[in-house]
Protein backbone atom coordinates (compact mmCIF):
# COMPACT_ATOMS: atom_id res chain seq x y z
CA MET A 1 -17.27 -45.61 -65.18
CA TYR A 2 -14.93 -43.15 -62.83
CA GLU A 3 -11.96 -44.98 -61.47
CA TRP A 4 -12.58 -44.80 -58.28
CA ILE A 5 -16.20 -44.15 -56.16
CA LEU A 6 -15.53 -40.63 -56.76
CA PRO A 7 -14.90 -38.95 -59.59
CA SER A 8 -11.74 -36.74 -60.00
CA LEU A 9 -11.30 -33.07 -61.38
CA SER A 10 -10.17 -34.97 -64.58
CA GLU A 11 -12.28 -36.86 -65.16
CA ILE A 12 -15.33 -34.60 -64.33
CA LEU A 13 -14.13 -31.87 -66.92
CA ALA A 14 -13.12 -34.96 -69.53
CA GLU A 15 -16.65 -35.54 -69.46
CA ASN A 16 -18.00 -31.11 -69.61
CA GLN A 17 -14.84 -30.71 -72.85
CA SER A 18 -14.26 -33.06 -75.72
CA SER A 19 -11.06 -31.21 -76.63
CA VAL A 20 -9.52 -32.70 -73.32
CA ALA A 21 -6.77 -34.75 -75.54
CA GLU A 22 -2.96 -35.99 -73.98
CA CYS A 23 -0.06 -34.39 -74.22
CA SER A 24 3.13 -35.02 -73.39
CA PRO A 25 4.41 -34.04 -69.56
CA ALA A 26 6.46 -31.77 -70.29
CA LYS A 27 4.14 -29.57 -72.61
CA ALA A 28 1.13 -30.38 -69.99
CA GLU A 29 3.16 -28.62 -67.22
CA ARG A 30 3.63 -26.07 -68.93
CA GLN A 31 0.19 -25.29 -70.06
CA TRP A 32 -0.17 -25.80 -66.18
CA ARG A 33 2.49 -22.77 -65.03
CA VAL A 34 0.97 -20.45 -67.69
CA SER A 35 -2.37 -20.88 -66.63
CA LEU A 36 -1.46 -20.29 -63.13
CA ALA A 37 -0.43 -17.22 -63.58
CA ALA A 38 -2.63 -15.95 -65.67
CA THR A 39 -5.00 -16.96 -62.68
CA GLU A 40 -2.88 -15.22 -60.57
CA HIS A 41 -2.44 -11.88 -62.40
CA LEU A 42 -6.45 -12.23 -62.76
CA LEU A 43 -7.35 -12.59 -58.51
CA SER A 44 -4.65 -9.24 -58.55
CA ASN A 45 -6.66 -7.22 -61.13
CA THR A 46 -10.47 -8.35 -59.69
CA LEU A 47 -9.75 -7.85 -56.15
CA ALA A 48 -11.61 -5.30 -54.21
CA GLY A 49 -8.25 -2.82 -51.98
CA GLY A 50 -9.25 -3.16 -48.42
CA SER A 51 -7.96 -4.76 -44.95
CA ARG A 52 -6.08 -7.26 -45.10
CA ASN A 53 -7.93 -9.29 -42.93
CA VAL A 54 -11.29 -9.35 -44.89
CA THR A 55 -11.59 -11.70 -47.40
CA GLN A 56 -12.32 -11.95 -50.80
CA GLY A 57 -12.42 -15.37 -51.83
CA LEU A 58 -11.15 -19.37 -51.81
CA VAL A 59 -9.31 -21.73 -53.14
CA LEU A 60 -9.13 -25.13 -53.02
CA ALA A 61 -5.14 -26.48 -54.07
CA ALA A 62 -3.47 -29.59 -54.09
CA PRO A 63 -1.01 -30.60 -53.73
CA ALA A 64 0.51 -27.02 -52.04
CA PRO A 65 -0.09 -23.71 -52.26
CA LEU A 66 -0.42 -22.08 -55.66
CA PHE A 67 0.00 -18.45 -54.71
CA SER A 68 2.49 -16.43 -52.97
CA GLN A 69 1.39 -12.51 -53.54
CA PRO A 70 0.77 -10.93 -50.36
CA LYS A 71 -2.39 -9.15 -51.51
CA LEU A 72 -3.81 -13.04 -52.39
CA THR A 73 -2.71 -14.34 -49.59
CA GLN A 74 -4.39 -11.93 -46.86
CA SER A 75 -7.24 -11.14 -49.61
CA LEU A 76 -8.11 -15.21 -50.06
CA GLN A 77 -9.33 -18.34 -47.53
CA THR A 78 -6.46 -20.93 -49.44
CA VAL A 79 -7.29 -24.79 -48.07
CA THR A 80 -4.94 -27.35 -49.31
CA PHE A 81 -5.12 -30.93 -49.95
CA THR A 82 -3.27 -33.59 -49.50
CA ALA A 83 -2.72 -37.38 -50.37
CA LYS A 84 1.01 -37.94 -47.48
CA PRO A 85 -0.25 -40.57 -45.35
CA PHE A 86 1.25 -38.88 -42.15
CA ASN A 87 1.45 -35.08 -42.46
CA PRO A 88 0.50 -34.23 -39.16
CA LEU A 89 -1.39 -30.83 -41.10
CA ALA A 90 -3.83 -33.21 -42.32
CA LEU A 91 -5.17 -33.11 -38.80
CA MET A 92 -5.77 -29.77 -38.04
CA PRO A 93 -8.88 -28.44 -38.18
CA PHE A 94 -10.05 -26.43 -41.07
CA GLN A 95 -10.47 -22.45 -39.93
CA MET A 96 -12.93 -20.28 -40.77
CA PRO A 97 -10.93 -16.30 -41.23
CA ASP A 98 -12.96 -14.94 -38.55
CA ALA A 99 -12.85 -17.86 -36.39
CA MET A 100 -9.48 -17.29 -34.27
CA PRO A 101 -7.24 -14.17 -34.58
CA THR A 102 -4.49 -13.37 -36.29
CA ALA A 103 -2.26 -13.82 -33.90
CA ASP A 104 -3.30 -16.99 -32.18
CA TYR A 105 -3.65 -18.86 -35.14
CA ALA A 106 -0.33 -17.87 -36.34
CA ASN A 107 0.31 -18.88 -32.75
CA ALA A 108 -0.90 -22.82 -32.74
CA SER A 109 1.15 -25.23 -31.48
CA VAL A 110 0.26 -27.74 -34.87
CA ASN A 111 0.21 -25.45 -37.55
CA GLU A 112 3.17 -22.80 -36.74
CA GLU A 113 4.21 -22.88 -39.75
CA ILE A 114 0.84 -22.15 -41.79
CA ALA A 115 0.11 -19.00 -43.17
CA PRO A 116 -2.88 -17.24 -41.85
CA HIS A 117 -6.31 -18.01 -44.00
CA GLU A 118 -4.17 -21.58 -45.38
CA SER A 119 -5.43 -24.70 -43.68
CA VAL A 120 -4.46 -28.41 -44.71
CA LEU A 121 -6.96 -31.26 -45.31
CA PRO A 122 -6.15 -35.77 -46.57
CA LEU A 123 -7.40 -36.78 -49.28
CA LEU A 124 -7.32 -40.75 -48.83
CA PRO A 125 -4.31 -42.87 -50.44
CA ALA A 126 -6.99 -44.67 -52.82
CA ASP A 127 -7.78 -41.84 -53.60
CA PRO A 128 -6.56 -41.46 -57.67
CA LEU A 129 -7.21 -37.75 -56.76
CA GLY A 130 -3.65 -37.44 -55.45
CA ALA A 131 -1.87 -37.34 -59.50
CA GLU A 132 -4.12 -34.29 -59.68
CA GLN A 133 -2.65 -31.35 -59.28
CA PHE A 134 -5.60 -28.80 -59.78
CA CYS A 135 -7.22 -25.34 -58.31
CA LEU A 136 -10.91 -23.96 -57.95
CA VAL A 137 -10.96 -20.34 -57.59
CA PHE A 138 -14.17 -19.01 -56.30
CA THR A 139 -14.80 -15.08 -55.92
CA ASP A 140 -17.63 -12.88 -56.45
CA LYS A 141 -16.15 -11.97 -59.89
CA PHE A 142 -16.52 -16.12 -61.27
CA ARG A 143 -15.70 -19.17 -60.18
CA LEU A 144 -13.07 -20.99 -62.24
CA VAL A 145 -10.79 -24.99 -62.10
CA LEU A 146 -7.61 -26.49 -63.50
CA VAL A 147 -6.75 -29.59 -63.58
CA LEU A 148 -3.33 -30.94 -64.24
CA ALA A 149 -4.05 -34.72 -63.92
CA THR A 150 -1.54 -37.68 -64.46
CA HIS A 151 -2.86 -41.08 -66.12
CA LYS A 152 -1.63 -43.71 -65.90
CA ASN A 153 0.23 -44.81 -69.16
CA GLY A 154 2.33 -41.36 -68.18
CA LYS A 155 1.10 -38.57 -70.62
CA LYS A 156 -0.64 -35.85 -68.71
CA THR A 157 -4.30 -33.31 -69.80
CA PHE A 158 -4.41 -30.17 -68.60
CA SER A 159 -7.67 -28.27 -68.91
CA PHE A 160 -9.67 -26.16 -67.15
CA SER A 161 -14.05 -23.91 -67.40
CA PHE A 162 -15.35 -20.97 -66.14
CA GLU A 163 -18.68 -22.36 -66.20
CA PRO A 164 -20.71 -22.53 -63.09
CA GLU A 165 -21.99 -26.18 -63.34
CA VAL A 166 -18.37 -27.72 -63.90
CA VAL A 167 -17.26 -25.45 -60.93
CA GLN A 168 -19.87 -26.52 -58.79
CA GLN A 169 -19.40 -30.21 -59.72
CA ALA A 170 -16.14 -29.97 -59.12
CA TRP A 171 -16.70 -28.90 -55.63
CA ARG A 172 -19.16 -31.22 -54.89
CA SER A 173 -16.71 -33.96 -55.59
CA LEU A 174 -13.82 -32.45 -53.34
CA GLY A 175 -16.95 -32.03 -50.91
CA ALA A 176 -17.58 -35.55 -50.53
CA ARG A 177 -14.21 -36.32 -49.96
CA VAL A 178 -14.27 -33.33 -47.20
CA MET A 179 -17.35 -35.08 -46.01
CA LEU A 180 -15.21 -38.27 -45.39
CA ALA A 181 -11.68 -37.60 -44.17
CA ASN A 182 -13.50 -34.72 -42.31
CA PRO A 183 -16.86 -34.35 -42.02
CA GLU A 184 -17.17 -31.68 -38.40
CA PHE A 185 -15.59 -29.04 -41.20
CA PHE A 186 -17.86 -30.18 -44.10
CA ALA A 187 -20.32 -27.96 -43.22
CA ARG A 188 -18.01 -24.34 -42.42
CA LEU A 189 -16.33 -25.19 -45.64
CA ASP A 190 -19.63 -25.49 -47.40
CA ALA A 191 -20.78 -22.68 -45.98
CA LEU A 192 -17.84 -20.65 -47.34
CA VAL A 193 -17.83 -21.96 -50.94
CA GLN A 194 -21.84 -20.92 -50.89
CA GLN A 195 -20.86 -17.15 -50.28
CA TYR A 196 -19.97 -16.78 -53.66
CA SER A 197 -22.86 -17.72 -55.68
CA PRO A 198 -22.17 -19.81 -58.78
CA VAL A 199 -23.24 -17.43 -61.37
CA ALA A 200 -21.76 -16.91 -65.57
CA PRO A 201 -18.23 -14.57 -65.18
CA ASP A 202 -18.89 -11.43 -67.16
CA CYS A 203 -18.00 -11.49 -70.24
CA ARG A 204 -15.22 -9.03 -69.92
CA VAL A 205 -12.99 -10.93 -66.78
CA VAL A 206 -12.54 -14.11 -69.91
CA LEU A 207 -11.42 -12.18 -72.51
CA GLU A 208 -9.00 -10.25 -70.08
CA PHE A 209 -7.95 -13.70 -69.03
CA SER A 210 -7.59 -15.12 -72.45
CA GLN A 211 -5.02 -11.79 -72.35
CA LEU A 212 -3.08 -12.61 -69.85
CA LEU A 213 -2.50 -16.56 -71.01
CA LEU A 214 -1.27 -14.58 -74.42
CA GLN A 215 0.82 -11.95 -72.20
CA GLU A 216 2.37 -14.84 -70.33
CA LEU A 217 2.83 -16.99 -73.90
CA THR A 218 5.14 -14.42 -74.71
CA GLU A 219 6.82 -14.22 -71.61
CA VAL A 220 7.80 -17.89 -72.34
CA GLU A 221 8.69 -17.31 -75.56
CA GLU A 222 11.09 -14.10 -75.35
CA THR A 223 12.77 -16.15 -72.12
CA ARG A 224 13.17 -19.41 -74.33
CA ASP A 225 14.83 -17.61 -76.85
CA SER A 226 17.09 -15.78 -74.94
CA LEU A 227 18.14 -18.97 -73.80
CA LEU A 228 18.91 -20.87 -77.00
CA GLY A 229 20.80 -17.60 -78.34
CA THR A 230 23.21 -18.96 -80.81
CA GLY A 231 26.19 -21.26 -81.25
CA GLU A 232 26.53 -24.60 -80.09
CA GLU A 233 26.74 -23.73 -75.84
CA ALA A 234 23.36 -21.94 -75.97
CA LEU A 235 21.82 -25.01 -78.39
CA GLU A 236 22.81 -27.72 -75.36
CA GLN A 237 21.55 -25.37 -72.22
CA GLY A 238 18.08 -25.23 -74.72
CA SER A 239 17.50 -28.70 -74.97
CA ARG A 240 18.67 -28.86 -71.06
CA VAL A 241 15.11 -26.50 -70.31
CA PHE A 242 13.19 -27.57 -73.38
CA PRO A 243 13.53 -31.31 -74.22
CA ASN A 244 10.89 -31.98 -75.33
CA ALA A 245 11.57 -29.88 -77.77
CA GLN A 246 12.91 -31.23 -81.52
CA SER A 247 16.30 -29.61 -82.11
CA SER A 248 14.92 -29.60 -86.39
CA ASN A 249 12.18 -27.20 -85.51
CA PRO A 250 12.44 -26.05 -82.13
CA ASP A 251 9.29 -23.41 -82.57
CA VAL A 252 6.80 -26.53 -82.97
CA GLU A 253 6.28 -27.26 -79.52
CA LEU A 254 5.98 -23.00 -79.20
CA LEU A 255 3.16 -22.80 -81.88
CA GLN A 256 1.11 -25.95 -80.49
CA ALA A 257 1.00 -24.70 -77.11
CA PHE A 258 0.34 -21.45 -78.48
CA ALA A 259 -2.21 -22.73 -80.12
CA HIS A 260 -3.44 -24.89 -77.47
CA GLU A 261 -3.91 -21.60 -74.88
CA VAL A 262 -5.43 -19.28 -77.53
CA ARG A 263 -8.08 -22.07 -78.94
CA THR A 264 -8.75 -22.61 -74.96
CA PRO A 265 -10.58 -19.95 -73.71
CA LEU A 266 -12.14 -18.83 -76.73
CA THR A 267 -13.88 -21.72 -76.50
CA THR A 268 -15.31 -20.95 -72.99
CA ILE A 269 -15.61 -17.36 -74.17
CA ARG A 270 -18.26 -19.26 -77.33
CA THR A 271 -19.78 -21.65 -75.38
CA MET A 272 -20.46 -19.04 -72.98
CA THR A 273 -21.91 -16.75 -75.64
CA ARG A 274 -24.17 -19.72 -76.79
CA LEU A 275 -25.36 -20.04 -73.43
CA LEU A 276 -26.70 -16.85 -73.17
CA LEU A 277 -28.25 -16.97 -76.54
CA LYS A 278 -30.32 -19.28 -75.90
CA ARG A 279 -32.47 -16.80 -72.99
CA ARG A 280 -35.47 -15.51 -74.58
CA ASP A 281 -35.14 -11.91 -72.54
CA LEU A 282 -32.19 -10.18 -74.74
CA ASP A 283 -32.53 -7.67 -76.55
CA ALA A 284 -32.24 -7.63 -80.55
CA SER A 285 -29.42 -5.64 -80.29
CA VAL A 286 -27.46 -7.55 -77.72
CA ILE A 287 -28.46 -10.56 -79.41
CA ASN A 288 -26.27 -9.30 -82.90
CA ARG A 289 -23.72 -8.52 -81.05
CA LEU A 290 -23.40 -12.41 -79.33
CA LYS A 291 -24.15 -13.41 -82.44
CA ILE A 292 -20.78 -11.28 -84.04
CA ILE A 293 -18.94 -13.14 -80.66
CA ASP A 294 -20.01 -16.37 -81.89
CA HIS A 295 -18.48 -16.14 -85.45
CA GLU A 296 -15.50 -14.16 -84.11
CA CYS A 297 -14.35 -17.18 -81.29
CA THR A 298 -14.93 -19.76 -84.02
CA GLU A 299 -13.13 -18.34 -87.06
CA GLN A 300 -10.39 -18.01 -84.82
CA ILE A 301 -10.59 -21.12 -82.50
CA ASP A 302 -10.55 -22.76 -86.41
CA ARG A 303 -7.30 -20.34 -87.66
CA MET A 304 -5.98 -22.27 -83.95
CA GLU A 305 -6.64 -26.10 -84.94
CA LEU A 306 -5.09 -25.77 -88.45
CA LEU A 307 -2.19 -23.48 -87.00
CA PHE A 308 -2.12 -26.99 -83.72
CA LYS A 309 -3.20 -29.51 -87.28
CA ALA A 310 0.47 -27.57 -88.89
CA ALA A 311 2.45 -28.19 -86.65
CA GLU A 312 1.13 -31.42 -85.69
CA LEU A 313 2.61 -32.55 -89.04
CA GLU A 314 5.60 -31.85 -88.44
CA THR A 315 6.21 -33.52 -85.84
CA THR A 316 5.65 -37.02 -86.90
CA ALA A 317 6.09 -38.70 -89.87
CA SER A 318 2.15 -38.16 -90.64
CA VAL A 319 2.29 -36.39 -94.26
CA LYS A 320 1.76 -39.93 -95.69
CA SER A 321 0.20 -41.56 -92.91
CA SER A 322 -2.48 -39.79 -92.35
CA LYS A 323 -3.45 -40.31 -96.69
CA THR A 324 -4.97 -43.99 -95.12
CA GLN A 325 -8.05 -41.24 -93.60
CA LEU A 326 -8.97 -40.35 -97.01
CA THR A 327 -12.15 -41.44 -97.97
CA PRO A 328 -14.51 -40.35 -100.91
CA MET A 329 -17.23 -37.53 -100.16
CA SER A 330 -19.16 -34.52 -101.78
CA LEU A 331 -17.33 -31.75 -102.19
CA ASP A 332 -20.68 -30.03 -103.66
CA GLN A 333 -21.85 -30.75 -99.74
CA VAL A 334 -18.16 -29.27 -98.69
CA LEU A 335 -18.43 -26.17 -100.87
CA GLN A 336 -22.98 -25.17 -99.77
CA GLN A 337 -21.10 -25.16 -96.05
CA SER A 338 -18.51 -23.13 -96.91
CA ILE A 339 -18.98 -20.91 -100.33
CA PRO A 340 -20.74 -18.39 -97.41
CA ARG A 341 -18.14 -18.70 -94.79
CA TRP A 342 -15.71 -17.29 -97.71
CA GLU A 343 -17.94 -14.62 -98.62
CA GLN A 344 -18.10 -12.97 -95.83
CA ALA A 345 -14.79 -13.18 -95.13
CA ALA A 346 -13.68 -11.34 -98.17
CA HIS A 347 -17.24 -8.55 -97.70
CA ARG A 348 -15.36 -7.85 -94.24
CA ARG A 349 -12.59 -6.66 -95.62
CA ASN A 350 -13.93 -5.20 -98.59
CA LEU A 351 -13.17 -7.46 -101.02
CA THR A 352 -16.30 -9.44 -103.95
CA LEU A 353 -15.62 -12.99 -104.27
CA ASN A 354 -17.52 -15.22 -106.98
CA VAL A 355 -16.99 -18.63 -107.10
CA ILE A 356 -17.34 -20.44 -110.46
CA LEU A 357 -19.48 -24.15 -110.84
CA PRO A 358 -19.64 -27.30 -112.84
CA GLN A 359 -22.72 -28.54 -113.19
CA GLN A 360 -21.90 -31.35 -111.19
CA LEU A 361 -19.09 -31.67 -109.21
CA PRO A 362 -17.81 -35.19 -109.14
CA THR A 363 -16.63 -36.79 -105.83
CA VAL A 364 -13.03 -36.31 -104.56
CA VAL A 365 -10.97 -38.17 -102.06
CA SER A 366 -9.45 -36.43 -99.04
CA ASN A 367 -10.77 -35.64 -95.26
CA PRO A 368 -13.64 -34.81 -94.24
CA THR A 369 -13.25 -33.47 -91.62
CA MET A 370 -9.83 -31.47 -92.22
CA LEU A 371 -10.97 -30.13 -95.96
CA ASP A 372 -12.76 -27.46 -94.88
CA GLN A 373 -10.78 -26.32 -92.64
CA VAL A 374 -7.74 -26.47 -95.05
CA LEU A 375 -9.89 -24.48 -97.83
CA SER A 376 -11.56 -22.16 -95.32
CA GLY A 377 -8.09 -21.69 -93.87
CA LEU A 378 -6.28 -20.92 -97.44
CA ILE A 379 -8.74 -18.17 -98.72
CA GLU A 380 -9.10 -16.65 -95.25
CA ASN A 381 -5.00 -15.53 -95.53
CA PHE A 382 -5.47 -14.96 -99.60
CA THR A 383 -7.97 -11.61 -98.90
CA ARG A 384 -5.69 -10.94 -96.00
CA SER A 385 -2.93 -10.01 -98.45
CA LEU A 386 -5.12 -8.48 -101.21
CA PRO A 387 -6.26 -4.13 -101.29
CA ALA A 388 -9.64 -3.31 -100.59
CA GLY A 389 -11.14 -3.21 -103.89
CA SER A 390 -10.31 -6.16 -104.55
CA HIS A 391 -12.13 -8.78 -106.61
CA ILE A 392 -11.30 -13.32 -105.84
CA GLN A 393 -12.18 -16.06 -108.42
CA VAL A 394 -12.28 -19.15 -107.46
CA GLN A 395 -12.97 -21.81 -110.34
CA VAL A 396 -13.60 -25.45 -109.96
CA ILE A 397 -13.22 -27.51 -112.79
CA PRO A 398 -12.20 -30.74 -113.72
CA ALA A 399 -8.52 -31.53 -114.27
CA GLY A 400 -8.28 -35.28 -115.64
CA ASP A 401 -8.30 -37.10 -112.89
CA GLN A 402 -8.37 -34.71 -110.90
CA LEU A 403 -10.07 -31.63 -109.50
CA LYS A 404 -8.50 -28.37 -109.66
CA LEU A 405 -9.94 -25.84 -107.66
CA GLN A 406 -8.52 -22.27 -107.93
CA LEU A 407 -7.92 -18.19 -106.64
CA SER A 408 -6.83 -15.45 -108.97
CA PRO A 409 -7.26 -12.11 -107.87
CA GLN A 410 -8.46 -9.11 -110.43
CA PHE A 411 -8.11 -5.67 -108.75
CA ARG A 412 -10.34 -2.93 -110.40
CA CYS A 413 -8.94 -0.13 -112.62
CA LYS A 414 -10.40 3.63 -112.37
CA ASP A 415 -8.62 3.99 -116.71
CA SER A 416 -10.63 1.12 -118.26
CA ASN A 417 -7.92 1.06 -121.04
CA LYS A 418 -5.13 0.79 -118.63
CA ALA A 419 -4.06 -3.35 -117.38
CA ALA A 420 -5.19 -3.59 -113.85
CA THR A 421 -2.27 -4.45 -111.24
CA PRO A 422 -1.94 -5.91 -108.28
CA GLY A 423 0.16 -2.70 -106.62
CA THR A 424 2.77 -3.58 -104.00
CA PRO A 425 2.55 -7.02 -102.81
CA PRO A 426 2.68 -6.78 -99.10
CA ILE A 427 5.42 -7.58 -96.80
CA ARG A 428 5.80 -11.20 -95.35
CA LYS A 429 8.42 -11.93 -92.25
CA ALA A 430 9.26 -15.25 -91.35
CA LEU A 431 8.12 -16.46 -87.66
CA GLY A 432 10.19 -19.56 -87.43
CA GLN A 433 10.18 -22.47 -89.70
CA LEU A 434 5.58 -22.99 -89.61
CA LEU A 435 4.54 -19.48 -89.46
CA MET A 436 4.69 -15.83 -91.84
CA PHE A 437 3.95 -12.70 -90.36
CA GLN A 438 2.43 -9.26 -92.35
CA PRO A 439 3.14 -6.12 -90.40
CA GLU A 440 1.07 -4.07 -92.60
CA THR A 441 -1.83 -5.77 -90.57
CA GLY A 442 -0.68 -8.07 -87.70
CA THR A 443 -1.29 -11.23 -89.45
CA ILE A 444 -0.27 -14.30 -88.75
CA SER A 445 -0.23 -17.61 -90.86
CA LEU A 446 0.90 -20.17 -92.17
CA ASN A 447 3.74 -19.79 -94.36
CA ILE A 448 3.63 -21.54 -98.32
CA ALA A 449 6.12 -25.25 -97.07
CA ALA A 450 3.48 -25.60 -94.26
CA THR A 451 0.38 -24.98 -96.17
CA LYS A 452 1.34 -27.43 -98.92
CA HIS A 453 2.13 -29.99 -95.91
CA LEU A 454 -1.36 -29.61 -94.93
CA PHE A 455 -2.92 -30.32 -98.51
CA GLN A 456 -0.45 -33.50 -98.80
CA ALA A 457 -2.31 -34.33 -95.82
CA ILE A 458 -5.70 -34.82 -96.94
CA GLY A 459 -4.40 -36.03 -100.53
CA GLY A 460 -4.77 -33.05 -102.43
CA LYS A 461 -1.46 -30.17 -103.37
CA LEU A 462 -1.15 -26.75 -104.04
CA ILE A 463 0.88 -25.33 -106.79
CA VAL A 464 1.23 -21.11 -106.11
CA ARG A 465 2.53 -19.07 -109.14
CA GLN A 466 3.09 -15.11 -109.93
CA ARG A 467 1.48 -14.03 -112.48
CA PRO A 468 2.08 -10.58 -113.82
CA HIS A 469 -1.02 -8.51 -113.59
CA TYR A 470 -3.28 -11.09 -111.78
CA GLY A 471 -0.80 -11.25 -108.53
CA GLU A 472 -0.33 -14.09 -106.42
CA VAL A 473 -2.89 -17.72 -108.04
CA LEU A 474 -3.47 -20.58 -105.49
CA THR A 475 -4.03 -23.64 -107.74
CA ILE A 476 -5.56 -26.16 -105.63
CA PHE A 477 -5.41 -30.61 -106.86
CA LEU A 478 -7.35 -33.10 -105.37
CA PRO A 479 -8.19 -37.03 -106.63
CA LEU A 480 -11.04 -37.96 -107.72
CA GLU A 481 -12.65 -41.28 -106.77
CA VAL A 482 -12.06 -44.48 -108.84
CA SER A 483 -15.73 -44.24 -110.04
CA ASN A 484 -15.13 -40.29 -111.33
CA LYS A 485 -11.54 -41.18 -113.42
CA HIS A 486 -13.31 -43.82 -115.12
CA LYS A 487 -16.40 -42.61 -116.15
CA SER A 488 -14.44 -39.47 -117.32
CA GLY A 489 -11.98 -41.51 -119.33
CA THR A 490 -15.46 -42.94 -120.88
CA LYS A 491 -16.77 -39.81 -122.15
CA SER A 492 -13.47 -38.96 -123.97
C-alpha cells in the first residue's frame, strides 16, 4: 500500500530490492554522498566529447541540482523537482535545450539565476516525494536511479538501481506528477526521456561504478583518519564530524558503510548476470563466463554480509540477544550445501580438502541463516592463509553435549622421512579493531576476536591453536539439541 496516490521513488526501489534497510541518518546520508560522487565521475568518464550545446543526457533531481562540473552542466539537461510552495521558479516552463538560444534563455525574466539546460518543476505540498532526495540519470550508456528517503520514524534509507525496469517505473511515477502539476510540458519531457532507450547497461559501466564507489570510500576513510589524528583535540574534532561513531570503535561504522557500498553494486551486477543467463541466444563460452561472474559476485556478497554482521555485533550488545534466535537445525543439510563450495574454494588456490563426517550427524542448536555463512567465511579465510599444495582436513565428531568441527592443515613434503612443516606463517597486520590485512595476497578478513564473536552469536565457540608441524588449527564447538544429549548419555 502506497503512502500517497502515487508511489514515491523509495517505495518503488523497496519493492524491487529486498536488501534495502533503514539505518541512521548519518550513515544513509554518507552513502548518498559517496554514490553521487561516483555517479558524477562515471558521467564525466562516459560522456563523449563534443559541442557544449549538444545534450548527451538528462538528469531529474530533487530538491536541488546535484552536479556542478562545467562539462556536465553543459552536456546534461537538468530538471529539478521542488516542494517549496511559493518558489517562482516552479512556474517556469520546461525548456528543451534547443527550444531557445542560450543567450535568450539566460536573459529570460523569470529565470535569471537558472543556468542553461536547467528547469524547475513543482511537487504538490502533500506529496511524500518531497521528503526524498533523488537522482535519475538517462544517457545512451546507462540509466540509473538513486534515492535517499527520510521516514516518519526519523530513520533514513539509501538505495539505487541500474535495472532498466526499475528506472522506468521511477520515471513513470515522476511523469505522473508532471502531468498533475504541468501537463502541458509532460509530452516534451517524456519525449526527451524516451531518447535514451531502457536497455541494460554494459557490465563494464556497472563495474566502473563499483570501482568509483570504492575509490570514494577510500577517500572518506583517509579524510576521517586525518581528522581524527592524535590527542584529545583531534578526537573531539572527529566526534563532531562523525557524531554517530562510537568512541571505543571509531572504525565500526566505516566498515558497515564499506560493506554496504561494496555489496550493493555487486548485487546489481549479479542480478544483471542472471538476467543475461536466461537468454537462449548465448554462446556456451559466454554462459560459462557469466556463471563465473555470478559465482564471484555471490562469494564477495557473502563476505561483505559477514563483515557487516561482525560490525553490527560491535555496535550493539547483540552477542547474547542474538542467541534468542537459535533453533534446532540439521547440520547434515548445511554441510551438503557447503562442502562443494569449500572444495571449490580450496581448488582455486591449488589446495585439496577432505571432510570426515560421522555416520549420523546429530541435530545442533544454532542460527540457520548465519551458520553456513560463518563456517564458509572461516574456511575461505583459512584457505587463503595456506601455501599452494597444502591439504586441509575437516573432521566432524561428537564431543559430549557438543559437536566438534576441526580444521587442520597438512603440508606436503618431498622427503617422506622428514616431517612436513607449515613453512613461514603469513604476515597479518591489524586494520582497526575488526580486520586483518595479509600483504602477500591482499586479503582483508575478520580478525580472530571478531570471528569468535560471530560464533558466539550463533551459539558456538571457536578455539584457535598453533601446533608445531601442523600450523594453525581451528576448532568449532556447536551445542547439541537436548534430545541428542540424552541419546548420547544413554549410549555411554
